[in-house]
């Protein structure tokens, strides 16, 4: 088996995705392949600058690439149609939800949705917990 393929999905400015990719690179170096998918070119560009291996933008890459990934990471908004100010289409949300890849979602949303039982924490703390969960998952 080759490198673990991790897809990071983000929209708008790509800030969450970029922060995730930076931490993934710090922890796993080049032992993983990171594919960045942005809902727009600004988000994709930001994630590529954060050291993703490859990047793509929009709905079609989501539909085509996700079943080739081992893990999908992003804010919980990526499974909500019309989220991210409408950038994430219902088709994208469906493709992400139906992908066989394991999903690690951060409870950030601009939508009128609150996930009960989850404490809101600063992004850096959530990313640290994400890295811990990934380590557990990968080492299982």
N, C-alpha and C. Protein backbone atom coordinates (compact mmCIF):
# COMPACT_ATOMS: atom_id res chain seq x y z
N UNK A 1 0.84 -1.19 0.00
CA UNK A 1 0.00 0.00 0.00
C UNK A 1 0.88 1.24 0.00
N UNK A 2 0.50 2.24 -0.77
CA UNK A 2 1.25 3.48 -0.85
C UNK A 2 0.98 4.38 0.33
N UNK A 3 1.30 5.63 0.16
CA UNK A 3 1.06 6.61 1.21
C UNK A 3 -0.43 6.75 1.48
N UNK A 4 -0.75 7.04 2.73
CA UNK A 4 -2.12 7.33 3.11
C UNK A 4 -2.56 8.60 2.39
N UNK A 5 -3.73 8.57 1.75
CA UNK A 5 -4.24 9.73 1.01
C UNK A 5 -5.29 10.44 1.85
N UNK A 6 -4.98 11.70 2.17
CA UNK A 6 -5.86 12.52 3.00
C UNK A 6 -6.33 13.70 2.17
N UNK A 7 -7.65 13.88 2.12
CA UNK A 7 -8.24 15.02 1.41
C UNK A 7 -8.71 16.04 2.44
N UNK A 8 -8.25 17.27 2.28
CA UNK A 8 -8.70 18.36 3.14
C UNK A 8 -9.58 19.26 2.28
N UNK A 9 -10.81 19.50 2.75
CA UNK A 9 -11.78 20.30 2.00
C UNK A 9 -12.10 21.56 2.79
N UNK A 10 -12.06 22.70 2.10
CA UNK A 10 -12.40 23.97 2.74
C UNK A 10 -12.89 24.95 1.69
N UNK A 11 -13.46 26.03 2.14
CA UNK A 11 -13.98 27.04 1.23
C UNK A 11 -13.58 28.43 1.69
N UNK A 12 -14.24 29.42 1.11
CA UNK A 12 -14.00 30.83 1.40
C UNK A 12 -12.50 31.13 1.31
N UNK A 13 -11.82 31.50 2.39
CA UNK A 13 -10.40 31.84 2.31
C UNK A 13 -9.46 30.67 2.51
N UNK A 14 -9.99 29.52 2.89
CA UNK A 14 -9.16 28.33 3.08
C UNK A 14 -8.35 28.33 4.38
N UNK A 15 -8.72 29.19 5.32
CA UNK A 15 -7.95 29.31 6.56
C UNK A 15 -7.97 28.07 7.43
N UNK A 16 -9.13 27.45 7.57
CA UNK A 16 -9.22 26.23 8.38
C UNK A 16 -8.43 25.11 7.72
N UNK A 17 -8.64 24.92 6.42
CA UNK A 17 -7.92 23.88 5.68
C UNK A 17 -6.42 24.08 5.73
N UNK A 18 -5.98 25.33 5.59
CA UNK A 18 -4.54 25.63 5.64
C UNK A 18 -3.94 25.29 6.99
N UNK A 19 -4.65 25.65 8.05
CA UNK A 19 -4.17 25.35 9.40
C UNK A 19 -4.08 23.84 9.63
N UNK A 20 -5.05 23.10 9.13
CA UNK A 20 -5.04 21.64 9.24
C UNK A 20 -3.85 21.06 8.48
N UNK A 21 -3.65 21.51 7.26
CA UNK A 21 -2.56 20.98 6.42
C UNK A 21 -1.20 21.27 7.06
N UNK A 22 -1.00 22.45 7.61
CA UNK A 22 0.27 22.78 8.27
C UNK A 22 0.57 21.80 9.40
N UNK A 23 -0.44 21.51 10.22
CA UNK A 23 -0.26 20.57 11.33
C UNK A 23 -0.03 19.14 10.84
N UNK A 24 -0.77 18.75 9.78
CA UNK A 24 -0.55 17.42 9.22
C UNK A 24 0.89 17.27 8.73
N UNK A 25 1.40 18.28 8.06
CA UNK A 25 2.78 18.25 7.55
C UNK A 25 3.79 18.18 8.69
N UNK A 26 3.56 18.99 9.75
CA UNK A 26 4.46 18.96 10.91
C UNK A 26 4.53 17.57 11.52
N UNK A 27 3.37 16.94 11.67
CA UNK A 27 3.29 15.66 12.37
C UNK A 27 3.71 14.48 11.50
N UNK A 28 3.21 14.44 10.27
CA UNK A 28 3.41 13.25 9.44
C UNK A 28 4.43 13.45 8.32
N UNK A 29 4.97 14.67 8.21
CA UNK A 29 5.97 14.99 7.18
C UNK A 29 5.51 14.53 5.81
N UNK A 30 6.33 13.76 5.12
CA UNK A 30 5.97 13.30 3.77
C UNK A 30 5.46 11.86 3.77
N UNK A 31 5.04 11.37 4.93
CA UNK A 31 4.53 10.00 5.03
C UNK A 31 3.10 9.88 4.52
N UNK A 32 2.46 11.03 4.28
CA UNK A 32 1.08 11.06 3.79
C UNK A 32 1.02 11.90 2.53
N UNK A 33 -0.01 11.67 1.74
CA UNK A 33 -0.28 12.52 0.58
C UNK A 33 -1.51 13.35 0.91
N UNK A 34 -1.39 14.66 0.77
CA UNK A 34 -2.50 15.56 1.08
C UNK A 34 -3.02 16.17 -0.21
N UNK A 35 -4.31 15.95 -0.45
CA UNK A 35 -5.00 16.54 -1.59
C UNK A 35 -5.93 17.62 -1.03
N UNK A 36 -5.78 18.84 -1.50
CA UNK A 36 -6.63 19.95 -1.07
C UNK A 36 -7.72 20.19 -2.10
N UNK A 37 -8.95 20.23 -1.64
CA UNK A 37 -10.05 20.61 -2.53
C UNK A 37 -10.72 21.85 -1.94
N UNK A 38 -10.68 22.91 -2.71
CA UNK A 38 -11.31 24.15 -2.29
C UNK A 38 -12.61 24.35 -3.02
N UNK A 39 -13.56 25.00 -2.36
CA UNK A 39 -14.81 25.33 -3.05
C UNK A 39 -14.60 26.50 -3.99
N UNK A 40 -13.44 27.17 -3.85
CA UNK A 40 -13.08 28.26 -4.75
C UNK A 40 -11.56 28.27 -4.89
N UNK A 41 -11.05 29.00 -5.87
CA UNK A 41 -9.61 28.98 -6.15
C UNK A 41 -8.78 29.63 -5.04
N UNK A 42 -9.34 30.59 -4.31
CA UNK A 42 -8.60 31.21 -3.21
C UNK A 42 -8.34 30.18 -2.11
N UNK A 43 -9.35 29.40 -1.76
CA UNK A 43 -9.19 28.36 -0.73
C UNK A 43 -8.18 27.31 -1.19
N UNK A 44 -8.28 26.89 -2.44
CA UNK A 44 -7.34 25.89 -2.96
C UNK A 44 -5.92 26.43 -2.92
N UNK A 45 -5.72 27.65 -3.36
CA UNK A 45 -4.39 28.27 -3.38
C UNK A 45 -3.80 28.35 -1.97
N UNK A 46 -4.61 28.75 -1.01
CA UNK A 46 -4.14 28.86 0.38
C UNK A 46 -3.69 27.50 0.91
N UNK A 47 -4.45 26.45 0.59
CA UNK A 47 -4.10 25.12 1.08
C UNK A 47 -2.86 24.58 0.37
N UNK A 48 -2.67 24.92 -0.88
CA UNK A 48 -1.44 24.53 -1.58
C UNK A 48 -0.23 25.22 -0.97
N UNK A 49 -0.38 26.48 -0.61
CA UNK A 49 0.72 27.22 0.05
C UNK A 49 1.06 26.59 1.40
N UNK A 50 0.09 25.95 2.03
CA UNK A 50 0.31 25.28 3.32
C UNK A 50 0.98 23.93 3.15
N UNK A 51 1.30 23.55 1.93
CA UNK A 51 2.06 22.34 1.59
C UNK A 51 1.22 21.10 1.28
N UNK A 52 0.01 21.30 0.73
CA UNK A 52 -0.71 20.15 0.18
C UNK A 52 0.07 19.66 -1.03
N UNK A 53 0.01 18.35 -1.30
CA UNK A 53 0.71 17.80 -2.46
C UNK A 53 0.08 18.24 -3.77
N UNK A 54 -1.26 18.25 -3.78
CA UNK A 54 -2.01 18.60 -4.98
C UNK A 54 -3.25 19.36 -4.55
N UNK A 55 -3.84 20.09 -5.50
CA UNK A 55 -5.06 20.81 -5.19
C UNK A 55 -5.98 20.88 -6.39
N UNK A 56 -7.25 20.96 -6.10
CA UNK A 56 -8.27 21.09 -7.14
C UNK A 56 -9.39 21.95 -6.57
N UNK A 57 -10.21 22.47 -7.48
CA UNK A 57 -11.26 23.40 -7.06
C UNK A 57 -12.61 22.98 -7.61
N UNK A 58 -13.63 23.04 -6.77
CA UNK A 58 -15.00 22.92 -7.23
C UNK A 58 -15.64 21.56 -7.07
N UNK A 59 -16.81 21.47 -7.67
CA UNK A 59 -17.68 20.31 -7.50
C UNK A 59 -17.16 19.04 -8.15
N UNK A 60 -16.65 19.13 -9.37
CA UNK A 60 -16.24 17.92 -10.07
C UNK A 60 -15.10 17.18 -9.36
N UNK A 61 -14.07 17.86 -8.86
CA UNK A 61 -13.04 17.13 -8.11
C UNK A 61 -13.60 16.40 -6.89
N UNK A 62 -14.57 17.01 -6.22
CA UNK A 62 -15.19 16.33 -5.07
C UNK A 62 -15.84 15.03 -5.54
N UNK A 63 -16.58 15.09 -6.62
CA UNK A 63 -17.28 13.90 -7.13
C UNK A 63 -16.30 12.83 -7.61
N UNK A 64 -15.19 13.23 -8.19
CA UNK A 64 -14.26 12.29 -8.81
C UNK A 64 -13.23 11.74 -7.83
N UNK A 65 -12.66 12.59 -6.98
CA UNK A 65 -11.51 12.20 -6.18
C UNK A 65 -11.82 11.50 -4.87
N UNK A 66 -12.95 11.75 -4.27
CA UNK A 66 -13.15 11.33 -2.89
C UNK A 66 -13.13 9.83 -2.67
N UNK A 67 -13.58 9.05 -3.62
CA UNK A 67 -13.54 7.61 -3.41
C UNK A 67 -12.15 7.03 -3.60
N UNK A 68 -11.18 7.88 -3.94
CA UNK A 68 -9.79 7.46 -4.02
C UNK A 68 -9.02 7.84 -2.75
N UNK A 69 -9.69 8.49 -1.82
CA UNK A 69 -9.07 8.97 -0.59
C UNK A 69 -9.29 7.98 0.56
N UNK A 70 -8.35 7.97 1.49
CA UNK A 70 -8.50 7.15 2.70
C UNK A 70 -9.21 7.93 3.80
N UNK A 71 -8.94 9.24 3.86
CA UNK A 71 -9.48 10.09 4.92
C UNK A 71 -9.90 11.43 4.31
N UNK A 72 -11.02 11.97 4.80
CA UNK A 72 -11.49 13.30 4.42
C UNK A 72 -11.54 14.14 5.70
N UNK A 73 -10.99 15.35 5.62
CA UNK A 73 -10.97 16.25 6.77
C UNK A 73 -11.53 17.61 6.34
N UNK A 74 -12.31 18.21 7.23
CA UNK A 74 -12.82 19.55 6.97
C UNK A 74 -13.78 19.98 8.06
N UNK A 75 -14.29 21.19 7.95
CA UNK A 75 -15.33 21.62 8.89
C UNK A 75 -16.62 20.84 8.62
N UNK A 76 -17.46 20.73 9.61
CA UNK A 76 -18.70 19.97 9.47
C UNK A 76 -19.57 20.51 8.33
N UNK A 77 -19.35 21.75 7.96
CA UNK A 77 -20.10 22.37 6.87
C UNK A 77 -19.96 21.63 5.55
N UNK A 78 -18.91 20.82 5.40
CA UNK A 78 -18.71 20.13 4.12
C UNK A 78 -19.75 19.05 3.86
N UNK A 79 -20.54 18.70 4.87
CA UNK A 79 -21.61 17.73 4.62
C UNK A 79 -22.99 18.40 4.67
N UNK A 80 -23.00 19.73 4.55
CA UNK A 80 -24.25 20.50 4.56
C UNK A 80 -24.38 21.23 3.23
N UNK A 81 -25.36 20.83 2.44
CA UNK A 81 -25.59 21.47 1.14
C UNK A 81 -25.87 22.95 1.27
N UNK A 82 -25.31 23.72 0.37
CA UNK A 82 -25.46 25.17 0.31
C UNK A 82 -24.78 25.91 1.46
N UNK A 83 -23.87 25.23 2.15
CA UNK A 83 -23.13 25.88 3.23
C UNK A 83 -21.99 26.71 2.67
N UNK A 84 -21.22 27.30 3.54
CA UNK A 84 -20.09 28.16 3.18
C UNK A 84 -20.56 29.28 2.24
N UNK A 85 -21.62 29.93 2.65
CA UNK A 85 -22.23 31.01 1.87
C UNK A 85 -22.65 30.57 0.48
N UNK A 86 -23.05 29.31 0.38
CA UNK A 86 -23.52 28.76 -0.90
C UNK A 86 -22.44 28.15 -1.76
N UNK A 87 -21.18 28.22 -1.33
CA UNK A 87 -20.08 27.67 -2.14
C UNK A 87 -20.12 26.15 -2.22
N UNK A 88 -20.59 25.50 -1.16
CA UNK A 88 -20.61 24.04 -1.14
C UNK A 88 -21.99 23.58 -1.60
N UNK A 89 -22.04 22.99 -2.77
CA UNK A 89 -23.32 22.62 -3.37
C UNK A 89 -23.91 21.37 -2.70
N UNK A 90 -25.21 21.16 -2.84
CA UNK A 90 -25.81 19.93 -2.32
C UNK A 90 -25.16 18.67 -2.91
N UNK A 91 -24.75 18.74 -4.17
CA UNK A 91 -24.10 17.60 -4.81
C UNK A 91 -22.75 17.30 -4.16
N UNK A 92 -22.03 18.36 -3.80
CA UNK A 92 -20.75 18.17 -3.11
C UNK A 92 -20.97 17.53 -1.75
N UNK A 93 -21.94 18.04 -1.00
CA UNK A 93 -22.23 17.51 0.34
C UNK A 93 -22.61 16.04 0.25
N UNK A 94 -23.40 15.68 -0.75
CA UNK A 94 -23.80 14.29 -0.93
C UNK A 94 -22.61 13.42 -1.26
N UNK A 95 -21.76 13.87 -2.18
CA UNK A 95 -20.57 13.09 -2.57
C UNK A 95 -19.65 12.88 -1.37
N UNK A 96 -19.48 13.91 -0.55
CA UNK A 96 -18.62 13.79 0.63
C UNK A 96 -19.24 12.80 1.62
N UNK A 97 -20.52 12.96 1.88
CA UNK A 97 -21.21 12.08 2.83
C UNK A 97 -21.18 10.62 2.39
N UNK A 98 -21.30 10.39 1.10
CA UNK A 98 -21.39 9.02 0.59
C UNK A 98 -20.03 8.38 0.31
N UNK A 99 -18.97 9.14 0.37
CA UNK A 99 -17.65 8.58 0.13
C UNK A 99 -17.34 7.52 1.18
N UNK A 100 -16.64 6.49 0.77
CA UNK A 100 -16.26 5.42 1.69
C UNK A 100 -15.09 5.83 2.59
N UNK A 101 -14.48 6.96 2.34
CA UNK A 101 -13.36 7.43 3.15
C UNK A 101 -13.81 7.75 4.57
N UNK A 102 -12.93 7.54 5.53
CA UNK A 102 -13.19 7.93 6.92
C UNK A 102 -13.21 9.45 6.97
N UNK A 103 -14.18 10.02 7.69
CA UNK A 103 -14.31 11.47 7.77
C UNK A 103 -14.01 11.97 9.18
N UNK A 104 -13.16 13.00 9.24
CA UNK A 104 -12.87 13.68 10.49
C UNK A 104 -13.34 15.12 10.29
N UNK A 105 -14.40 15.51 11.00
CA UNK A 105 -15.03 16.82 10.79
C UNK A 105 -14.91 17.68 12.04
N UNK A 106 -14.53 18.93 11.84
CA UNK A 106 -14.45 19.88 12.94
C UNK A 106 -15.78 20.61 13.06
N UNK A 107 -16.27 20.81 14.29
CA UNK A 107 -17.60 21.39 14.47
C UNK A 107 -17.66 22.90 14.28
N UNK A 108 -17.11 23.39 13.17
CA UNK A 108 -17.22 24.79 12.79
C UNK A 108 -18.29 24.92 11.73
N UNK A 109 -19.19 25.85 11.90
CA UNK A 109 -20.18 26.09 10.87
C UNK A 109 -20.66 27.53 10.95
N UNK A 110 -20.87 28.14 9.78
CA UNK A 110 -21.46 29.47 9.74
C UNK A 110 -22.97 29.36 9.59
N UNK A 111 -23.43 28.15 9.40
CA UNK A 111 -24.85 27.92 9.22
C UNK A 111 -25.56 28.02 10.56
N UNK A 112 -26.85 28.02 10.52
CA UNK A 112 -27.66 28.12 11.73
C UNK A 112 -27.82 26.74 12.35
N UNK A 113 -26.66 26.11 12.63
CA UNK A 113 -26.63 24.75 13.16
C UNK A 113 -25.71 24.72 14.37
N UNK A 114 -26.18 24.08 15.42
CA UNK A 114 -25.32 23.89 16.60
C UNK A 114 -25.30 22.40 16.91
N UNK A 115 -24.11 21.86 17.05
CA UNK A 115 -23.96 20.45 17.37
C UNK A 115 -23.95 20.34 18.90
N UNK A 116 -24.93 19.67 19.44
CA UNK A 116 -25.09 19.55 20.89
C UNK A 116 -24.11 18.51 21.42
N UNK A 117 -23.55 18.80 22.59
CA UNK A 117 -22.62 17.87 23.21
C UNK A 117 -21.17 18.14 22.81
N UNK A 118 -20.95 19.14 22.00
CA UNK A 118 -19.61 19.50 21.55
C UNK A 118 -19.27 20.87 22.12
N UNK A 119 -18.16 20.95 22.84
CA UNK A 119 -17.72 22.25 23.35
C UNK A 119 -16.99 23.00 22.26
N UNK A 120 -17.32 24.27 22.10
CA UNK A 120 -16.59 25.09 21.14
C UNK A 120 -15.22 25.40 21.72
N UNK A 121 -14.21 25.12 20.95
CA UNK A 121 -12.84 25.38 21.36
C UNK A 121 -12.16 26.18 20.27
N UNK A 122 -11.05 26.82 20.61
CA UNK A 122 -10.30 27.53 19.57
C UNK A 122 -9.80 26.54 18.51
N UNK A 123 -9.69 27.02 17.29
CA UNK A 123 -9.25 26.17 16.18
C UNK A 123 -7.95 25.42 16.47
N UNK A 124 -6.91 26.06 17.02
CA UNK A 124 -5.68 25.30 17.26
C UNK A 124 -5.88 24.10 18.19
N UNK A 125 -6.75 24.23 19.18
CA UNK A 125 -7.03 23.11 20.09
C UNK A 125 -7.74 21.98 19.35
N UNK A 126 -8.70 22.35 18.50
CA UNK A 126 -9.42 21.33 17.73
C UNK A 126 -8.48 20.60 16.78
N UNK A 127 -7.58 21.34 16.17
CA UNK A 127 -6.64 20.70 15.24
C UNK A 127 -5.71 19.76 15.99
N UNK A 128 -5.26 20.15 17.19
CA UNK A 128 -4.43 19.24 17.99
C UNK A 128 -5.19 17.94 18.30
N UNK A 129 -6.48 18.06 18.65
CA UNK A 129 -7.29 16.86 18.91
C UNK A 129 -7.46 16.03 17.64
N UNK A 130 -7.63 16.70 16.51
CA UNK A 130 -7.73 16.02 15.22
C UNK A 130 -6.47 15.20 14.96
N UNK A 131 -5.31 15.78 15.17
CA UNK A 131 -4.05 15.08 14.96
C UNK A 131 -3.96 13.85 15.87
N UNK A 132 -4.37 14.00 17.13
CA UNK A 132 -4.38 12.85 18.06
C UNK A 132 -5.28 11.73 17.55
N UNK A 133 -6.48 12.08 17.09
CA UNK A 133 -7.42 11.09 16.57
C UNK A 133 -6.86 10.41 15.32
N UNK A 134 -6.23 11.19 14.45
CA UNK A 134 -5.62 10.61 13.26
C UNK A 134 -4.52 9.63 13.62
N UNK A 135 -3.70 9.99 14.59
CA UNK A 135 -2.64 9.08 15.03
C UNK A 135 -3.23 7.76 15.53
N UNK A 136 -4.30 7.85 16.33
CA UNK A 136 -4.96 6.65 16.82
C UNK A 136 -5.51 5.82 15.67
N UNK A 137 -6.16 6.48 14.72
CA UNK A 137 -6.77 5.80 13.59
C UNK A 137 -5.73 5.14 12.70
N UNK A 138 -4.65 5.87 12.42
CA UNK A 138 -3.61 5.34 11.53
C UNK A 138 -2.86 4.19 12.17
N UNK A 139 -2.67 4.25 13.47
CA UNK A 139 -1.91 3.20 14.17
C UNK A 139 -2.75 2.00 14.56
N UNK A 140 -4.04 2.03 14.26
CA UNK A 140 -4.91 0.91 14.63
C UNK A 140 -4.63 -0.28 13.75
